[in-house]
Amino acid sequence: MTNKLKQRENYPILVIYSTDNSFGFGYRKNNNLESDELFIKKFDNDLCNNLINDLNKFISKENLQKINKLSVSIGPANFNASRLIVVLARTISQQINCPLDSFSSFEIMAKRIASKNNIFTNKKSFWIFKNLKRKGFIAGKYEICGNEKNSSDLIIRETILPKVVKELDSKELSFEATYDDKKDLKELLDLSNKNLLNSNVDSWRKVLPLYPISPIN
């Protein structure tokens, strides 16, 4: 089984990503940064109509059939966008018999935020939060693994999945969530690549959108 997985390791990866007002696709042909292809687009109320059409323009049917690993961001982000891209990812995974895994939007941006704020100490933890329109926050907690001084080698673990909290502890480090479509798509490709051996072809069943709040909030 291990040998079979290793043989599949260099096959292409596809990722699907969304924020509050944009969505995107990433494609890595050979697990090589130079092979990365990205598509990013802002949306208004037209995402449902454009998502599949834009995917078909981004990747050919032939290349889609060759995908070895699929990953999707599950939020927190625009409610409908998260729902639509997860449904799309699950459908593709099931149809082409391809492993699917997922990452929260905060986990995807955690490495970028840690690097920007010079957080490299092993076991050092911090929160990423997003203000709610009424009151409170959506917040997730993240922890540095290892003592890497190079930001590109930084490994971060999500210890608390983003959830609604009434207030943030002033004694703990916390940073507001900031989306960066290009950098976060690249990071999602990296996370998907590193997690390649941890998925199976039935993993799509467990992938669901992250809904810390209802759409009316």
C-alpha atoms as a PDB file:
ATOM      1  CA  MET A   1       0.000   0.000   0.000  1.00  0.00           C
ATOM      2  CA  THR A   2       2.814   2.394   0.904  1.00  0.00           C
ATOM      3  CA  ASN A   3       4.603   1.815  -2.383  1.00  0.00           C
ATOM      4  CA  LYS A   4       1.432   2.482  -4.319  1.00  0.00           C
ATOM      5  CA  LEU A   5       0.941   5.801  -2.523  1.00  0.00           C
ATOM      6  CA  LYS A   6       4.523   6.835  -3.226  1.00  0.00           C
ATOM      7  CA  GLN A   7       4.062   6.108  -6.897  1.00  0.00           C
ATOM      8  CA  ARG A   8       1.063   8.473  -6.911  1.00  0.00           C
ATOM      9  CA  GLU A   9       2.829  11.232  -5.031  1.00  0.00           C
ATOM     10  CA  ASN A  10       3.936  13.299  -8.041  1.00  0.00           C
ATOM     11  CA  TYR A  11       0.609  13.297  -9.822  1.00  0.00           C
ATOM     12  CA  PRO A  12      -1.315  16.631 -10.178  1.00  0.00           C
ATOM     13  CA  ILE A  13      -3.104  18.468  -7.344  1.00  0.00           C
ATOM     14  CA  LEU A  14      -6.200  20.668  -7.653  1.00  0.00           C
ATOM     15  CA  VAL A  15      -7.400  23.050  -4.929  1.00  0.00           C
ATOM     16  CA  ILE A  16     -10.577  25.122  -4.676  1.00  0.00           C
ATOM     17  CA  TYR A  17     -10.733  28.199  -2.459  1.00  0.00           C
ATOM     18  CA  SER A  18     -13.107  31.016  -1.489  1.00  0.00           C
ATOM     19  CA  THR A  19     -13.199  34.161   0.657  1.00  0.00           C
ATOM     20  CA  ASP A  20     -15.911  36.699   1.465  1.00  0.00           C
ATOM     21  CA  ASN A  21     -15.934  38.066  -2.083  1.00  0.00           C
ATOM     22  CA  SER A  22     -13.714  35.901  -4.282  1.00  0.00           C
ATOM     23  CA  PHE A  23     -12.999  32.330  -5.291  1.00  0.00           C
ATOM     24  CA  GLY A  24     -10.146  30.572  -7.014  1.00  0.00           C
ATOM     25  CA  PHE A  25      -8.556  27.392  -8.292  1.00  0.00           C
ATOM     26  CA  GLY A  26      -4.980  26.186  -8.014  1.00  0.00           C
ATOM     27  CA  TYR A  27      -3.313  23.445 -10.059  1.00  0.00           C
ATOM     28  CA  ARG A  28       0.130  21.915  -9.456  1.00  0.00           C
ATOM     29  CA  LYS A  29       1.239  19.509 -12.166  1.00  0.00           C
ATOM     30  CA  ASN A  30       4.275  17.903 -10.547  1.00  0.00           C
ATOM     31  CA  ASN A  31       4.290  19.024  -6.906  1.00  0.00           C
ATOM     32  CA  ASN A  32       6.652  21.702  -8.170  1.00  0.00           C
ATOM     33  CA  LEU A  33       6.136  25.389  -7.388  1.00  0.00           C
ATOM     34  CA  GLU A  34       7.101  26.329 -10.918  1.00  0.00           C
ATOM     35  CA  SER A  35       4.226  24.284 -12.307  1.00  0.00           C
ATOM     36  CA  ASP A  36       1.572  26.155 -10.318  1.00  0.00           C
ATOM     37  CA  GLU A  37      -1.367  27.618 -12.220  1.00  0.00           C
ATOM     38  CA  LEU A  38      -3.817  29.922 -10.426  1.00  0.00           C
ATOM     39  CA  PHE A  39      -7.230  31.371 -11.201  1.00  0.00           C
ATOM     40  CA  ILE A  40      -8.785  34.093  -9.019  1.00  0.00           C
ATOM     41  CA  LYS A  41     -12.059  35.902  -9.565  1.00  0.00           C
ATOM     42  CA  LYS A  42     -14.247  38.303  -7.602  1.00  0.00           C
ATOM     43  CA  PHE A  43     -17.909  37.383  -7.349  1.00  0.00           C
ATOM     44  CA  ASP A  44     -21.139  39.217  -6.606  1.00  0.00           C
ATOM     45  CA  ASN A  45     -24.327  37.196  -6.883  1.00  0.00           C
ATOM     46  CA  ASP A  46     -23.183  35.186  -9.870  1.00  0.00           C
ATOM     47  CA  LEU A  47     -20.995  32.516  -8.281  1.00  0.00           C
ATOM     48  CA  CYS A  48     -23.525  29.706  -8.712  1.00  0.00           C
ATOM     49  CA  ASN A  49     -23.702  30.341 -12.467  1.00  0.00           C
ATOM     50  CA  ASN A  50     -19.993  30.891 -13.053  1.00  0.00           C
ATOM     51  CA  LEU A  51     -18.230  28.382 -10.788  1.00  0.00           C
ATOM     52  CA  ILE A  52     -18.411  25.314 -13.046  1.00  0.00           C
ATOM     53  CA  ASN A  53     -17.921  27.346 -16.235  1.00  0.00           C
ATOM     54  CA  ASP A  54     -14.773  28.940 -14.826  1.00  0.00           C
ATOM     55  CA  LEU A  55     -13.453  25.569 -13.659  1.00  0.00           C
ATOM     56  CA  ASN A  56     -13.955  24.144 -17.154  1.00  0.00           C
ATOM     57  CA  LYS A  57     -11.976  27.061 -18.594  1.00  0.00           C
ATOM     58  CA  PHE A  58      -9.243  26.656 -15.991  1.00  0.00           C
ATOM     59  CA  ILE A  59      -8.574  22.934 -16.362  1.00  0.00           C
ATOM     60  CA  SER A  60      -9.249  20.597 -19.265  1.00  0.00           C
ATOM     61  CA  LYS A  61     -11.387  17.498 -18.847  1.00  0.00           C
ATOM     62  CA  GLU A  62      -8.322  15.385 -19.618  1.00  0.00           C
ATOM     63  CA  ASN A  63      -6.217  17.024 -16.907  1.00  0.00           C
ATOM     64  CA  LEU A  64      -9.097  16.871 -14.418  1.00  0.00           C
ATOM     65  CA  GLN A  65      -9.252  13.104 -14.846  1.00  0.00           C
ATOM     66  CA  LYS A  66      -5.547  12.902 -13.950  1.00  0.00           C
ATOM     67  CA  ILE A  67      -5.911  14.745 -10.617  1.00  0.00           C
ATOM     68  CA  ASN A  68      -4.364  12.709  -7.816  1.00  0.00           C
ATOM     69  CA  LYS A  69      -5.326  14.935  -4.867  1.00  0.00           C
ATOM     70  CA  LEU A  70      -8.045  17.509  -4.289  1.00  0.00           C
ATOM     71  CA  SER A  71      -8.267  20.023  -1.433  1.00  0.00           C
ATOM     72  CA  VAL A  72     -10.835  22.684  -0.580  1.00  0.00           C
ATOM     73  CA  SER A  73     -11.116  25.581   1.848  1.00  0.00           C
ATOM     74  CA  ILE A  74     -14.207  25.241   4.047  1.00  0.00           C
ATOM     75  CA  GLY A  75     -14.438  28.728   5.602  1.00  0.00           C
ATOM     76  CA  PRO A  76     -15.005  30.897   7.544  1.00  0.00           C
ATOM     77  CA  ALA A  77     -15.888  32.817   4.374  1.00  0.00           C
ATOM     78  CA  ASN A  78     -18.957  33.812   2.405  1.00  0.00           C
ATOM     79  CA  PHE A  79     -21.681  31.324   3.428  1.00  0.00           C
ATOM     80  CA  ASN A  80     -22.876  30.468  -0.082  1.00  0.00           C
ATOM     81  CA  ALA A  81     -19.370  30.400  -1.536  1.00  0.00           C
ATOM     82  CA  SER A  82     -18.190  27.860   1.043  1.00  0.00           C
ATOM     83  CA  ARG A  83     -21.238  25.696   0.418  1.00  0.00           C
ATOM     84  CA  LEU A  84     -20.870  25.785  -3.369  1.00  0.00           C
ATOM     85  CA  ILE A  85     -17.159  25.030  -3.556  1.00  0.00           C
ATOM     86  CA  VAL A  86     -17.453  22.171  -1.057  1.00  0.00           C
ATOM     87  CA  VAL A  87     -20.284  20.624  -3.088  1.00  0.00           C
ATOM     88  CA  LEU A  88     -18.168  21.008  -6.235  1.00  0.00           C
ATOM     89  CA  ALA A  89     -15.092  19.457  -4.590  1.00  0.00           C
ATOM     90  CA  ARG A  90     -17.069  16.522  -3.180  1.00  0.00           C
ATOM     91  CA  THR A  91     -18.665  15.878  -6.576  1.00  0.00           C
ATOM     92  CA  ILE A  92     -15.327  15.898  -8.406  1.00  0.00           C
ATOM     93  CA  SER A  93     -13.716  13.677  -5.767  1.00  0.00           C
ATOM     94  CA  GLN A  94     -16.505  11.135  -6.013  1.00  0.00           C
ATOM     95  CA  GLN A  95     -16.654  11.147  -9.803  1.00  0.00           C
ATOM     96  CA  ILE A  96     -12.925  10.724 -10.473  1.00  0.00           C
ATOM     97  CA  ASN A  97     -12.272   8.574  -7.390  1.00  0.00           C
ATOM     98  CA  CYS A  98      -9.782  11.080  -5.988  1.00  0.00           C
ATOM     99  CA  PRO A  99      -8.872  11.757  -2.314  1.00  0.00           C
ATOM    100  CA  LEU A 100     -10.286  15.013  -0.903  1.00  0.00           C
ATOM    101  CA  ASP A 101      -9.264  16.875   2.214  1.00  0.00           C
ATOM    102  CA  SER A 102     -10.116  20.277   3.633  1.00  0.00           C
ATOM    103  CA  PHE A 103      -8.578  23.172   5.544  1.00  0.00           C
ATOM    104  CA  SER A 104     -10.173  26.113   7.299  1.00  0.00           C
ATOM    105  CA  SER A 105      -9.513  29.541   5.802  1.00  0.00           C
ATOM    106  CA  PHE A 106      -7.770  30.544   9.026  1.00  0.00           C
ATOM    107  CA  GLU A 107      -5.443  27.529   8.919  1.00  0.00           C
ATOM    108  CA  ILE A 108      -4.499  28.442   5.353  1.00  0.00           C
ATOM    109  CA  MET A 109      -3.526  31.986   6.355  1.00  0.00           C
ATOM    110  CA  ALA A 110      -1.918  31.028   9.711  1.00  0.00           C
ATOM    111  CA  LYS A 111       1.600  30.539   8.334  1.00  0.00           C
ATOM    112  CA  ARG A 112       1.500  33.874   6.532  1.00  0.00           C
ATOM    113  CA  ILE A 113       0.290  35.661   9.669  1.00  0.00           C
ATOM    114  CA  ALA A 114       2.898  33.962  11.889  1.00  0.00           C
ATOM    115  CA  SER A 115       5.696  34.863   9.468  1.00  0.00           C
ATOM    116  CA  LYS A 116       4.558  38.483   9.199  1.00  0.00           C
ATOM    117  CA  ASN A 117       4.557  38.828  13.000  1.00  0.00           C
ATOM    118  CA  ASN A 118       7.820  36.894  13.570  1.00  0.00           C
ATOM    119  CA  ILE A 119       6.244  34.036  15.514  1.00  0.00           C
ATOM    120  CA  PHE A 120       8.665  31.112  15.194  1.00  0.00           C
ATOM    121  CA  THR A 121       8.998  29.695  18.745  1.00  0.00           C
ATOM    122  CA  ASN A 122       8.034  26.042  19.240  1.00  0.00           C
ATOM    123  CA  LYS A 123       4.679  25.585  21.008  1.00  0.00           C
ATOM    124  CA  LYS A 124       3.919  29.304  20.701  1.00  0.00           C
ATOM    125  CA  SER A 125       0.209  29.726  20.081  1.00  0.00           C
ATOM    126  CA  PHE A 126      -1.969  32.511  18.730  1.00  0.00           C
ATOM    127  CA  TRP A 127      -5.545  33.191  17.668  1.00  0.00           C
ATOM    128  CA  ILE A 128      -6.864  34.327  14.318  1.00  0.00           C
ATOM    129  CA  PHE A 129     -10.187  36.139  14.533  1.00  0.00           C
ATOM    130  CA  LYS A 130     -12.847  37.787  12.440  1.00  0.00           C
ATOM    131  CA  ASN A 131     -15.288  40.369  13.824  1.00  0.00           C
ATOM    132  CA  LEU A 132     -18.965  39.530  13.604  1.00  0.00           C
ATOM    133  CA  LYS A 133     -21.399  42.194  12.391  1.00  0.00           C
ATOM    134  CA  ARG A 134     -23.366  42.223  15.622  1.00  0.00           C
ATOM    135  CA  LYS A 135     -21.034  41.256  18.470  1.00  0.00           C
ATOM    136  CA  GLY A 136     -18.410  38.663  19.209  1.00  0.00           C
ATOM    137  CA  PHE A 137     -15.887  36.969  16.958  1.00  0.00           C
ATOM    138  CA  ILE A 138     -15.173  33.904  14.918  1.00  0.00           C
ATOM    139  CA  ALA A 139     -11.787  32.683  16.157  1.00  0.00           C
ATOM    140  CA  GLY A 140      -9.470  29.721  15.731  1.00  0.00           C
ATOM    141  CA  LYS A 141      -6.276  28.841  17.595  1.00  0.00           C
ATOM    142  CA  TYR A 142      -2.928  27.856  16.058  1.00  0.00           C
ATOM    143  CA  GLU A 143       0.361  26.531  17.389  1.00  0.00           C
ATOM    144  CA  ILE A 144       3.918  26.575  16.054  1.00  0.00           C
ATOM    145  CA  CYS A 145       5.480  23.114  15.672  1.00  0.00           C
ATOM    146  CA  GLY A 146       9.278  23.179  15.839  1.00  0.00           C
ATOM    147  CA  ASN A 147      11.818  26.013  15.943  1.00  0.00           C
ATOM    148  CA  GLU A 148      12.150  26.829  12.265  1.00  0.00           C
ATOM    149  CA  LYS A 149      13.707  30.230  11.585  1.00  0.00           C
ATOM    150  CA  ASN A 150      12.840  30.145   7.900  1.00  0.00           C
ATOM    151  CA  SER A 151       9.211  31.083   7.287  1.00  0.00           C
ATOM    152  CA  SER A 152       8.992  28.694   4.328  1.00  0.00           C
ATOM    153  CA  ASP A 153       9.734  25.743   6.663  1.00  0.00           C
ATOM    154  CA  LEU A 154       7.269  26.798   9.342  1.00  0.00           C
ATOM    155  CA  ILE A 155       4.755  24.142  10.410  1.00  0.00           C
ATOM    156  CA  ILE A 156       1.574  25.226  12.153  1.00  0.00           C
ATOM    157  CA  ARG A 157      -1.105  23.083  13.754  1.00  0.00           C
ATOM    158  CA  GLU A 158      -4.746  24.096  14.123  1.00  0.00           C
ATOM    159  CA  THR A 159      -5.606  23.344  17.756  1.00  0.00           C
ATOM    160  CA  ILE A 160      -9.074  24.916  17.829  1.00  0.00           C
ATOM    161  CA  LEU A 161     -11.250  25.008  14.732  1.00  0.00           C
ATOM    162  CA  PRO A 162     -12.746  28.472  14.071  1.00  0.00           C
ATOM    163  CA  LYS A 163     -15.848  28.978  16.224  1.00  0.00           C
ATOM    164  CA  VAL A 164     -17.937  31.774  17.689  1.00  0.00           C
ATOM    165  CA  VAL A 165     -16.515  33.361  20.857  1.00  0.00           C
ATOM    166  CA  LYS A 166     -17.932  36.269  22.841  1.00  0.00           C
ATOM    167  CA  GLU A 167     -14.557  37.843  23.553  1.00  0.00           C
ATOM    168  CA  LEU A 168     -10.835  37.299  23.075  1.00  0.00           C
ATOM    169  CA  ASP A 169      -8.424  36.826  25.972  1.00  0.00           C
ATOM    170  CA  SER A 170      -6.225  39.935  26.082  1.00  0.00           C
ATOM    171  CA  LYS A 171      -3.388  37.845  27.548  1.00  0.00           C
ATOM    172  CA  GLU A 172      -3.128  35.725  24.402  1.00  0.00           C
ATOM    173  CA  LEU A 173      -1.766  36.705  21.005  1.00  0.00           C
ATOM    174  CA  SER A 174      -4.479  37.364  18.443  1.00  0.00           C
ATOM    175  CA  PHE A 175      -4.491  38.671  14.888  1.00  0.00           C
ATOM    176  CA  GLU A 176      -7.339  39.683  12.627  1.00  0.00           C
ATOM    177  CA  ALA A 177      -7.954  37.421   9.635  1.00  0.00           C
ATOM    178  CA  THR A 178      -6.735  38.834   6.324  1.00  0.00           C
ATOM    179  CA  TYR A 179      -7.315  37.063   3.032  1.00  0.00           C
ATOM    180  CA  ASP A 180      -4.664  37.104   0.312  1.00  0.00           C
ATOM    181  CA  ASP A 181      -5.989  35.146  -2.666  1.00  0.00           C
ATOM    182  CA  LYS A 182      -2.703  34.417  -4.436  1.00  0.00           C
ATOM    183  CA  LYS A 183      -0.626  33.596  -1.349  1.00  0.00           C
ATOM    184  CA  ASP A 184      -3.393  31.570   0.258  1.00  0.00           C
ATOM    185  CA  LEU A 185      -4.000  29.520  -2.904  1.00  0.00           C
ATOM    186  CA  LYS A 186      -0.266  28.756  -2.975  1.00  0.00           C
ATOM    187  CA  GLU A 187      -0.374  27.734   0.681  1.00  0.00           C
ATOM    188  CA  LEU A 188      -3.408  25.525   0.067  1.00  0.00           C
ATOM    189  CA  LEU A 189      -1.447  23.756  -2.685  1.00  0.00           C
ATOM    190  CA  ASP A 190       1.440  23.251  -0.240  1.00  0.00           C
ATOM    191  CA  LEU A 191      -0.856  21.937   2.501  1.00  0.00           C
ATOM    192  CA  SER A 192      -2.526  19.581   0.048  1.00  0.00           C
ATOM    193  CA  ASN A 193       0.850  18.295  -1.114  1.00  0.00           C
ATOM    194  CA  LYS A 194       2.131  17.703   2.433  1.00  0.00           C
ATOM    195  CA  ASN A 195      -1.076  15.905   3.382  1.00  0.00           C
ATOM    196  CA  LEU A 196      -1.060  13.671   0.301  1.00  0.00           C
ATOM    197  CA  LEU A 197      -0.502  10.390   2.109  1.00  0.00           C
ATOM    198  CA  ASN A 198      -3.180  11.085   4.727  1.00  0.00           C
ATOM    199  CA  SER A 199      -6.210  10.764   2.458  1.00  0.00           C
ATOM    200  CA  ASN A 200      -8.198   7.947   0.932  1.00  0.00           C
ATOM    201  CA  VAL A 201     -10.652   7.858  -1.951  1.00  0.00           C
ATOM    202  CA  ASP A 202     -13.675   7.888   0.387  1.00  0.00           C
ATOM    203  CA  SER A 203     -12.499  10.961   2.304  1.00  0.00           C
ATOM    204  CA  TRP A 204     -14.959  13.263   0.457  1.00  0.00           C
ATOM    205  CA  ARG A 205     -17.747  11.965   2.729  1.00  0.00           C
ATOM    206  CA  LYS A 206     -16.219  13.751   5.735  1.00  0.00           C
ATOM    207  CA  VAL A 207     -15.656  17.131   4.068  1.00  0.00           C
ATOM    208  CA  LEU A 208     -18.303  19.697   5.044  1.00  0.00           C
ATOM    209  CA  PRO A 209     -18.478  23.512   4.994  1.00  0.00           C
ATOM    210  CA  LEU A 210     -17.559  25.312   8.204  1.00  0.00           C
ATOM    211  CA  TYR A 211     -20.602  27.272   9.426  1.00  0.00           C
ATOM    212  CA  PRO A 212     -19.704  28.897  12.773  1.00  0.00           C
ATOM    213  CA  ILE A 213     -22.715  31.190  12.347  1.00  0.00           C
ATOM    214  CA  SER A 214     -25.938  31.178  10.351  1.00  0.00           C
ATOM    215  CA  PRO A 215     -26.161  33.232   7.114  1.00  0.00           C
ATOM    216  CA  ILE A 216     -28.193  35.979   8.791  1.00  0.00           C
ATOM    217  CA  ASN A 217     -25.190  36.988  10.931  1.00  0.00           C
END
